[in-house]
Amino acid sequence: MSPTPTASATPTPEAVEPTCENIATPEYRARAAETEWVSWPMPREGIGHNPFEVFPDGAPAGSISCRWGEDPDLATDNVVDLAWSPIAPDESTDAQTALEADGYERIDASEGVYLAMRGEQGWGDSEGFAQSYLFTRDDVRWAMTKAELEFVQAPEASE
């Protein structure tokens, strides 16, 4: 009689600390490197914000907001802001409800739920959307335009 194999516990992946580098997709980081852009966390010296602070319970623990540009000390509008946060299902539902009440347009998609604000004349992506959120099963992502959400990923995706 052969010994019965014992089941081994599947290791639980450790959470990866979010950074400006690992919440940006490899494609975006390569694009930023080509233009010699760097990243830094926001807010910085009173400039910038955490876009998740508008949620009913405030920004979820573990959220990060980043700015990409030529130099953190250079005064310019030529920047890209990206943000990521883990989010619990109840917080996600409450945040989505609040954003819709504030005028964000809900767009259901296979990758999650977008809540996007129409941009003012001349400011927005090719679809006309300015600041936008993407709620996935486990996290929420934010960018200055809906199109730029393609540059945001969960930190674990960089591993």
N, C-alpha and C. Protein backbone atom coordinates (compact mmCIF):
# COMPACT_ATOMS: atom_id res chain seq x y z
N MET A 1 0.84 -1.17 0.00
CA MET A 1 0.00 0.00 0.00
C MET A 1 0.90 1.24 0.00
N SER A 2 0.63 2.16 -0.89
CA SER A 2 1.45 3.36 -0.97
C SER A 2 0.90 4.44 -0.03
N PRO A 3 1.79 5.31 0.46
CA PRO A 3 1.34 6.35 1.38
C PRO A 3 0.38 7.32 0.68
N THR A 4 -0.58 7.81 1.43
CA THR A 4 -1.54 8.77 0.91
C THR A 4 -0.89 10.14 0.89
N PRO A 5 -0.93 10.80 -0.27
CA PRO A 5 -0.33 12.14 -0.31
C PRO A 5 -1.12 13.10 0.57
N THR A 6 -0.41 13.99 1.18
CA THR A 6 -1.08 15.00 2.00
C THR A 6 -1.15 16.30 1.21
N ALA A 7 -2.24 16.99 1.42
CA ALA A 7 -2.43 18.27 0.72
C ALA A 7 -1.54 19.32 1.37
N SER A 8 -0.87 20.08 0.55
CA SER A 8 -0.07 21.17 1.08
C SER A 8 -0.84 22.47 0.90
N ALA A 9 -0.67 23.34 1.85
CA ALA A 9 -1.38 24.62 1.80
C ALA A 9 -0.81 25.46 0.66
N THR A 10 -1.70 26.09 -0.07
CA THR A 10 -1.28 27.00 -1.12
C THR A 10 -0.86 28.30 -0.46
N PRO A 11 0.35 28.76 -0.71
CA PRO A 11 0.78 30.00 -0.07
C PRO A 11 -0.07 31.18 -0.53
N THR A 12 -0.41 32.02 0.42
CA THR A 12 -1.16 33.24 0.10
C THR A 12 -0.17 34.28 -0.38
N PRO A 13 -0.43 34.86 -1.56
CA PRO A 13 0.53 35.86 -2.04
C PRO A 13 0.56 37.07 -1.10
N GLU A 14 1.75 37.55 -0.84
CA GLU A 14 1.88 38.73 0.01
C GLU A 14 1.50 39.97 -0.79
N ALA A 15 0.88 40.89 -0.10
CA ALA A 15 0.51 42.15 -0.77
C ALA A 15 1.78 42.90 -1.14
N VAL A 16 1.77 43.47 -2.30
CA VAL A 16 2.90 44.26 -2.78
C VAL A 16 2.63 45.72 -2.44
N GLU A 17 3.59 46.35 -1.82
CA GLU A 17 3.47 47.77 -1.47
C GLU A 17 3.34 48.59 -2.76
N PRO A 18 2.27 49.38 -2.90
CA PRO A 18 2.13 50.17 -4.13
C PRO A 18 3.16 51.31 -4.18
N THR A 19 3.72 51.50 -5.35
CA THR A 19 4.64 52.61 -5.61
C THR A 19 4.21 53.25 -6.92
N CYS A 20 4.73 54.42 -7.19
CA CYS A 20 4.41 55.07 -8.47
C CYS A 20 4.87 54.22 -9.64
N GLU A 21 5.97 53.52 -9.47
CA GLU A 21 6.49 52.69 -10.56
C GLU A 21 5.63 51.45 -10.80
N ASN A 22 5.23 50.75 -9.72
CA ASN A 22 4.54 49.48 -9.95
C ASN A 22 3.04 49.60 -10.20
N ILE A 23 2.47 50.77 -10.03
CA ILE A 23 1.06 50.94 -10.42
C ILE A 23 0.93 51.40 -11.87
N ALA A 24 2.05 51.74 -12.48
CA ALA A 24 2.06 52.13 -13.89
C ALA A 24 2.44 50.91 -14.72
N THR A 25 1.77 50.72 -15.85
CA THR A 25 2.04 49.58 -16.70
C THR A 25 3.45 49.66 -17.29
N PRO A 26 4.03 48.53 -17.67
CA PRO A 26 5.35 48.56 -18.31
C PRO A 26 5.36 49.45 -19.56
N GLU A 27 4.27 49.43 -20.31
CA GLU A 27 4.19 50.27 -21.52
C GLU A 27 4.28 51.75 -21.17
N TYR A 28 3.58 52.14 -20.11
CA TYR A 28 3.63 53.54 -19.71
C TYR A 28 5.01 53.90 -19.18
N ARG A 29 5.60 53.03 -18.37
CA ARG A 29 6.94 53.32 -17.84
C ARG A 29 7.95 53.46 -18.97
N ALA A 30 7.84 52.65 -20.01
CA ALA A 30 8.75 52.76 -21.16
C ALA A 30 8.54 54.09 -21.88
N ARG A 31 7.29 54.47 -22.04
CA ARG A 31 6.97 55.75 -22.69
C ARG A 31 7.53 56.92 -21.87
N ALA A 32 7.38 56.85 -20.55
CA ALA A 32 7.90 57.90 -19.68
C ALA A 32 9.42 57.95 -19.75
N ALA A 33 10.06 56.80 -19.81
CA ALA A 33 11.52 56.75 -19.89
C ALA A 33 12.02 57.39 -21.18
N GLU A 34 11.29 57.19 -22.27
CA GLU A 34 11.68 57.78 -23.56
C GLU A 34 11.71 59.30 -23.48
N THR A 35 10.80 59.88 -22.71
CA THR A 35 10.74 61.34 -22.59
C THR A 35 11.48 61.85 -21.36
N GLU A 36 12.17 60.92 -20.67
CA GLU A 36 12.93 61.23 -19.47
C GLU A 36 12.05 61.78 -18.34
N TRP A 37 10.81 61.30 -18.28
CA TRP A 37 9.91 61.67 -17.20
C TRP A 37 10.18 60.80 -15.98
N VAL A 38 9.92 61.36 -14.82
CA VAL A 38 10.04 60.64 -13.56
C VAL A 38 8.70 60.71 -12.84
N SER A 39 8.57 59.93 -11.77
CA SER A 39 7.33 59.94 -11.01
C SER A 39 7.60 60.36 -9.57
N TRP A 40 6.56 60.87 -8.93
CA TRP A 40 6.65 61.20 -7.52
C TRP A 40 5.25 61.11 -6.91
N PRO A 41 5.16 60.74 -5.63
CA PRO A 41 3.85 60.61 -4.98
C PRO A 41 3.22 61.98 -4.72
N MET A 42 1.90 61.99 -4.76
CA MET A 42 1.14 63.21 -4.50
C MET A 42 0.33 63.01 -3.23
N PRO A 43 -0.12 64.01 -2.56
CA PRO A 43 0.22 65.41 -2.81
C PRO A 43 1.67 65.69 -2.40
N ARG A 44 2.19 66.71 -2.97
CA ARG A 44 3.57 67.11 -2.69
C ARG A 44 3.58 68.62 -2.50
N GLU A 45 3.96 69.04 -1.32
CA GLU A 45 4.03 70.47 -0.99
C GLU A 45 2.75 71.19 -1.36
N GLY A 46 1.62 70.58 -1.01
CA GLY A 46 0.32 71.22 -1.24
C GLY A 46 -0.17 71.15 -2.67
N ILE A 47 0.58 70.50 -3.56
CA ILE A 47 0.18 70.39 -4.97
C ILE A 47 -0.35 68.99 -5.21
N GLY A 48 -1.43 68.89 -5.94
CA GLY A 48 -2.01 67.60 -6.26
C GLY A 48 -2.91 67.11 -5.15
N HIS A 49 -3.50 65.95 -5.37
CA HIS A 49 -4.44 65.41 -4.40
C HIS A 49 -4.55 63.90 -4.55
N ASN A 50 -5.24 63.29 -3.62
CA ASN A 50 -5.57 61.88 -3.72
C ASN A 50 -7.01 61.82 -4.22
N PRO A 51 -7.24 61.33 -5.43
CA PRO A 51 -8.59 61.37 -6.01
C PRO A 51 -9.60 60.47 -5.29
N PHE A 52 -9.12 59.64 -4.36
CA PHE A 52 -10.01 58.77 -3.61
C PHE A 52 -10.55 59.44 -2.35
N GLU A 53 -10.04 60.62 -2.02
CA GLU A 53 -10.52 61.35 -0.84
C GLU A 53 -11.99 61.75 -0.96
N VAL A 54 -12.52 61.78 -2.18
CA VAL A 54 -13.93 62.15 -2.38
C VAL A 54 -14.88 61.00 -2.07
N PHE A 55 -14.38 59.80 -1.83
CA PHE A 55 -15.22 58.66 -1.51
C PHE A 55 -15.91 58.90 -0.16
N PRO A 56 -17.09 58.33 0.06
CA PRO A 56 -17.82 58.57 1.31
C PRO A 56 -17.01 58.32 2.58
N ASP A 57 -16.16 57.28 2.58
CA ASP A 57 -15.33 57.00 3.76
C ASP A 57 -13.90 57.51 3.59
N GLY A 58 -13.66 58.38 2.61
CA GLY A 58 -12.33 58.89 2.34
C GLY A 58 -11.51 57.89 1.55
N ALA A 59 -10.26 58.20 1.38
CA ALA A 59 -9.36 57.34 0.61
C ALA A 59 -9.14 56.02 1.34
N PRO A 60 -9.30 54.88 0.65
CA PRO A 60 -9.04 53.59 1.30
C PRO A 60 -7.58 53.47 1.72
N ALA A 61 -7.34 52.69 2.77
CA ALA A 61 -5.98 52.43 3.23
C ALA A 61 -5.21 51.76 2.09
N GLY A 62 -3.98 52.20 1.89
CA GLY A 62 -3.14 51.61 0.85
C GLY A 62 -3.22 52.32 -0.49
N SER A 63 -3.99 53.42 -0.56
CA SER A 63 -4.10 54.13 -1.83
C SER A 63 -2.84 54.94 -2.10
N ILE A 64 -2.60 55.17 -3.40
CA ILE A 64 -1.45 55.97 -3.80
C ILE A 64 -1.84 56.81 -5.02
N SER A 65 -1.40 58.04 -5.01
CA SER A 65 -1.63 58.97 -6.12
C SER A 65 -0.27 59.48 -6.58
N CYS A 66 -0.04 59.45 -7.89
CA CYS A 66 1.29 59.78 -8.42
C CYS A 66 1.20 60.76 -9.58
N ARG A 67 2.22 61.53 -9.71
CA ARG A 67 2.36 62.44 -10.85
C ARG A 67 3.60 62.04 -11.62
N TRP A 68 3.48 62.04 -12.93
CA TRP A 68 4.59 61.76 -13.84
C TRP A 68 4.86 63.03 -14.63
N GLY A 69 6.12 63.42 -14.71
CA GLY A 69 6.49 64.60 -15.47
C GLY A 69 8.00 64.74 -15.57
N GLU A 70 8.41 65.85 -16.11
CA GLU A 70 9.84 66.08 -16.34
C GLU A 70 10.62 66.23 -15.05
N ASP A 71 10.04 66.97 -14.09
CA ASP A 71 10.76 67.27 -12.85
C ASP A 71 9.74 67.71 -11.80
N PRO A 72 9.79 67.16 -10.58
CA PRO A 72 8.81 67.56 -9.57
C PRO A 72 8.91 69.03 -9.17
N ASP A 73 10.04 69.67 -9.44
CA ASP A 73 10.21 71.08 -9.08
C ASP A 73 9.90 72.04 -10.23
N LEU A 74 9.52 71.50 -11.39
CA LEU A 74 9.22 72.33 -12.55
C LEU A 74 7.72 72.64 -12.58
N ALA A 75 7.38 73.91 -12.60
CA ALA A 75 5.98 74.32 -12.68
C ALA A 75 5.49 74.16 -14.11
N THR A 76 4.63 73.17 -14.34
CA THR A 76 4.12 72.91 -15.68
C THR A 76 2.82 72.14 -15.60
N ASP A 77 2.01 72.26 -16.63
CA ASP A 77 0.79 71.46 -16.74
C ASP A 77 1.06 70.20 -17.56
N ASN A 78 2.27 70.03 -18.04
CA ASN A 78 2.62 68.89 -18.87
C ASN A 78 2.98 67.70 -17.97
N VAL A 79 1.95 67.12 -17.36
CA VAL A 79 2.11 66.00 -16.44
C VAL A 79 0.99 65.00 -16.67
N VAL A 80 1.15 63.82 -16.11
CA VAL A 80 0.11 62.79 -16.10
C VAL A 80 -0.05 62.33 -14.66
N ASP A 81 -1.28 62.36 -14.16
CA ASP A 81 -1.57 61.88 -12.81
C ASP A 81 -2.27 60.53 -12.90
N LEU A 82 -1.79 59.58 -12.10
CA LEU A 82 -2.36 58.23 -12.05
C LEU A 82 -2.50 57.85 -10.58
N ALA A 83 -3.53 57.04 -10.26
CA ALA A 83 -3.72 56.61 -8.87
C ALA A 83 -4.30 55.20 -8.84
N TRP A 84 -4.03 54.52 -7.72
CA TRP A 84 -4.51 53.15 -7.53
C TRP A 84 -4.82 52.94 -6.06
N SER A 85 -5.79 52.06 -5.80
CA SER A 85 -6.11 51.71 -4.42
C SER A 85 -6.78 50.35 -4.35
N PRO A 86 -6.46 49.57 -3.29
CA PRO A 86 -7.29 48.40 -3.02
C PRO A 86 -8.63 48.93 -2.51
N ILE A 87 -9.68 48.15 -2.67
CA ILE A 87 -10.98 48.60 -2.16
C ILE A 87 -11.85 47.40 -1.84
N ALA A 88 -12.53 47.47 -0.71
CA ALA A 88 -13.45 46.42 -0.29
C ALA A 88 -14.76 46.56 -1.08
N PRO A 89 -15.48 45.45 -1.27
CA PRO A 89 -16.73 45.51 -2.05
C PRO A 89 -17.75 46.54 -1.56
N ASP A 90 -17.94 46.66 -0.24
CA ASP A 90 -18.91 47.64 0.25
C ASP A 90 -18.43 49.07 0.02
N GLU A 91 -17.14 49.33 0.19
CA GLU A 91 -16.58 50.65 -0.11
C GLU A 91 -16.73 50.97 -1.60
N SER A 92 -16.52 49.96 -2.44
CA SER A 92 -16.62 50.13 -3.88
C SER A 92 -18.05 50.54 -4.27
N THR A 93 -19.03 49.84 -3.72
CA THR A 93 -20.43 50.15 -4.01
C THR A 93 -20.78 51.56 -3.57
N ASP A 94 -20.37 51.92 -2.35
CA ASP A 94 -20.66 53.27 -1.83
C ASP A 94 -19.99 54.35 -2.67
N ALA A 95 -18.74 54.12 -3.07
CA ALA A 95 -18.00 55.10 -3.88
C ALA A 95 -18.65 55.27 -5.25
N GLN A 96 -19.04 54.16 -5.87
CA GLN A 96 -19.68 54.24 -7.18
C GLN A 96 -20.99 55.01 -7.10
N THR A 97 -21.78 54.74 -6.09
CA THR A 97 -23.05 55.45 -5.90
C THR A 97 -22.82 56.95 -5.74
N ALA A 98 -21.83 57.31 -4.92
CA ALA A 98 -21.52 58.73 -4.70
C ALA A 98 -21.03 59.41 -5.97
N LEU A 99 -20.17 58.74 -6.73
CA LEU A 99 -19.67 59.33 -7.97
C LEU A 99 -20.79 59.54 -8.98
N GLU A 100 -21.67 58.56 -9.10
CA GLU A 100 -22.81 58.72 -10.00
C GLU A 100 -23.68 59.91 -9.58
N ALA A 101 -23.88 60.07 -8.28
CA ALA A 101 -24.67 61.20 -7.77
C ALA A 101 -23.99 62.53 -8.08
N ASP A 102 -22.65 62.51 -8.20
CA ASP A 102 -21.89 63.72 -8.53
C ASP A 102 -21.80 63.98 -10.03
N GLY A 103 -22.44 63.15 -10.85
CA GLY A 103 -22.47 63.39 -12.29
C GLY A 103 -21.55 62.54 -13.13
N TYR A 104 -20.87 61.58 -12.54
CA TYR A 104 -20.03 60.69 -13.32
C TYR A 104 -20.90 59.72 -14.09
N GLU A 105 -20.50 59.45 -15.32
CA GLU A 105 -21.23 58.52 -16.18
C GLU A 105 -20.74 57.10 -15.92
N ARG A 106 -21.67 56.17 -15.72
CA ARG A 106 -21.34 54.77 -15.46
C ARG A 106 -21.22 54.03 -16.79
N ILE A 107 -20.12 53.29 -16.96
CA ILE A 107 -19.89 52.50 -18.17
C ILE A 107 -19.47 51.11 -17.72
N ASP A 108 -20.35 50.13 -17.91
CA ASP A 108 -20.03 48.74 -17.55
C ASP A 108 -19.20 48.12 -18.67
N ALA A 109 -18.13 47.44 -18.30
CA ALA A 109 -17.22 46.82 -19.27
C ALA A 109 -16.74 45.49 -18.71
N SER A 110 -16.13 44.67 -19.55
CA SER A 110 -15.65 43.37 -19.10
C SER A 110 -14.57 43.49 -18.03
N GLU A 111 -13.78 44.55 -18.05
CA GLU A 111 -12.70 44.72 -17.08
C GLU A 111 -13.17 45.34 -15.76
N GLY A 112 -14.41 45.84 -15.72
CA GLY A 112 -14.93 46.45 -14.51
C GLY A 112 -15.94 47.53 -14.82
N VAL A 113 -16.10 48.44 -13.89
CA VAL A 113 -17.05 49.54 -14.03
C VAL A 113 -16.28 50.85 -14.09
N TYR A 114 -16.48 51.58 -15.18
CA TYR A 114 -15.89 52.91 -15.30
C TYR A 114 -16.89 53.93 -14.77
N LEU A 115 -16.40 54.93 -14.09
CA LEU A 115 -17.18 56.11 -13.76
C LEU A 115 -16.36 57.28 -14.29
N ALA A 116 -16.88 57.91 -15.32
CA ALA A 116 -16.11 58.91 -16.05
C ALA A 116 -16.89 60.22 -16.14
N MET A 117 -16.16 61.31 -16.00
CA MET A 117 -16.75 62.64 -16.08
C MET A 117 -16.45 63.20 -17.47
N ARG A 118 -17.45 63.75 -18.09
CA ARG A 118 -17.24 64.41 -19.38
C ARG A 118 -16.37 65.63 -19.17
N GLY A 119 -15.40 65.82 -20.07
CA GLY A 119 -14.50 66.96 -19.97
C GLY A 119 -15.14 68.20 -20.56
N GLU A 120 -14.64 69.34 -20.13
CA GLU A 120 -15.10 70.60 -20.70
C GLU A 120 -14.56 70.70 -22.12
N GLN A 121 -15.11 71.60 -22.89
CA GLN A 121 -14.73 71.78 -24.28
C GLN A 121 -13.21 71.79 -24.44
N GLY A 122 -12.70 70.84 -25.23
CA GLY A 122 -11.27 70.81 -25.53
C GLY A 122 -10.43 70.09 -24.49
N TRP A 123 -11.03 69.64 -23.39
CA TRP A 123 -10.25 68.95 -22.39
C TRP A 123 -10.87 67.59 -22.11
N GLY A 124 -10.19 66.56 -22.55
CA GLY A 124 -10.66 65.19 -22.37
C GLY A 124 -9.98 64.31 -23.38
N ASP A 125 -10.29 63.02 -23.31
CA ASP A 125 -9.70 62.08 -24.27
C ASP A 125 -10.52 62.06 -25.56
N SER A 126 -10.24 61.13 -26.45
CA SER A 126 -10.92 61.10 -27.75
C SER A 126 -12.42 60.81 -27.61
N GLU A 127 -12.83 60.23 -26.48
CA GLU A 127 -14.26 60.00 -26.22
C GLU A 127 -14.91 61.18 -25.50
N GLY A 128 -14.10 62.17 -25.11
CA GLY A 128 -14.61 63.33 -24.41
C GLY A 128 -14.62 63.19 -22.89
N PHE A 129 -13.97 62.14 -22.36
CA PHE A 129 -13.96 61.93 -20.92
C PHE A 129 -12.72 62.52 -20.28
N ALA A 130 -12.93 63.20 -19.18
CA ALA A 130 -11.83 63.71 -18.35
C ALA A 130 -11.63 62.72 -17.21
N GLN A 131 -11.47 63.23 -15.98
CA GLN A 131 -11.10 62.32 -14.90
C GLN A 131 -12.06 61.16 -14.77
N SER A 132 -11.46 59.98 -14.57
CA SER A 132 -12.23 58.74 -14.61
C SER A 132 -11.68 57.72 -13.62
N TYR A 133 -12.58 56.88 -13.14
CA TYR A 133 -12.26 55.79 -12.23
C TYR A 133 -12.59 54.48 -12.93
N LEU A 134 -11.84 53.43 -12.63
CA LEU A 134 -12.16 52.08 -13.05
C LEU A 134 -12.20 51.21 -11.80
N PHE A 135 -13.36 50.67 -11.50
CA PHE A 135 -13.54 49.77 -10.37
C PHE A 135 -13.45 48.35 -10.88
N THR A 136 -12.47 47.59 -10.39
CA THR A 136 -12.36 46.18 -10.74
C THR A 136 -12.85 45.38 -9.53
N ARG A 137 -12.71 44.09 -9.59
CA ARG A 137 -13.15 43.24 -8.49
C ARG A 137 -12.39 43.54 -7.20
N ASP A 138 -11.10 43.90 -7.30
CA ASP A 138 -10.25 44.06 -6.12
C ASP A 138 -9.72 45.47 -5.88
N ASP A 139 -9.83 46.33 -6.86
CA ASP A 139 -9.21 47.65 -6.71
C ASP A 139 -9.98 48.72 -7.46
N VAL A 140 -9.48 49.94 -7.31
CA VAL A 140 -10.01 51.07 -8.06
C VAL A 140 -8.81 51.83 -8.61
N ARG A 141 -8.95 52.28 -9.84
CA ARG A 141 -7.87 53.00 -10.53
C ARG A 141 -8.42 54.36 -10.96
N TRP A 142 -7.56 55.35 -11.04
CA TRP A 142 -7.99 56.69 -11.43
C TRP A 142 -6.94 57.28 -12.37
N ALA A 143 -7.42 58.07 -13.33
CA ALA A 143 -6.51 58.80 -14.22
C ALA A 143 -7.19 60.10 -14.62
N MET A 144 -6.39 61.01 -15.17
CA MET A 144 -6.90 62.32 -15.58
C MET A 144 -7.89 62.22 -16.73
N THR A 145 -7.78 61.15 -17.53
CA THR A 145 -8.77 60.89 -18.59
C THR A 145 -9.08 59.39 -18.58
N LYS A 146 -10.21 59.02 -19.14
CA LYS A 146 -10.59 57.61 -19.21
C LYS A 146 -9.56 56.81 -20.01
N ALA A 147 -9.06 57.38 -21.10
CA ALA A 147 -8.07 56.69 -21.92
C ALA A 147 -6.79 56.38 -21.14
N GLU A 148 -6.40 57.26 -20.22
CA GLU A 148 -5.16 57.04 -19.46
C GLU A 148 -5.30 55.95 -18.41
N LEU A 149 -6.52 55.47 -18.16
CA LEU A 149 -6.68 54.36 -17.22
C LEU A 149 -5.96 53.10 -17.71
N GLU A 150 -5.71 53.01 -19.01
CA GLU A 150 -4.98 51.84 -19.52
C GLU A 150 -3.54 51.81 -19.01
N PHE A 151 -3.06 52.90 -18.43
CA PHE A 151 -1.70 52.97 -17.90
C PHE A 151 -1.61 52.54 -16.44
N VAL A 152 -2.76 52.28 -15.78
CA VAL A 152 -2.76 51.94 -14.35
C VAL A 152 -3.01 50.46 -14.17
N GLN A 153 -2.24 49.84 -13.28
CA GLN A 153 -2.39 48.41 -12.99
C GLN A 153 -2.26 48.21 -11.48
N ALA A 154 -2.64 47.01 -11.03
CA ALA A 154 -2.41 46.63 -9.63
C ALA A 154 -0.92 46.41 -9.43
N PRO A 155 -0.37 46.77 -8.27
CA PRO A 155 1.06 46.61 -8.04
C PRO A 155 1.56 45.19 -8.28
N GLU A 156 0.73 44.20 -7.97
CA GLU A 156 1.12 42.80 -8.14
C GLU A 156 1.42 42.47 -9.61
N ALA A 157 0.84 43.21 -10.53
CA ALA A 157 1.04 42.94 -11.96
C ALA A 157 2.48 43.18 -12.38
N SER A 158 3.23 43.96 -11.61
CA SER A 158 4.63 44.25 -11.93
C SER A 158 5.56 43.13 -11.51
N GLU A 159 5.08 42.24 -10.67
CA GLU A 159 5.94 41.17 -10.15
C GLU A 159 6.27 40.16 -11.21
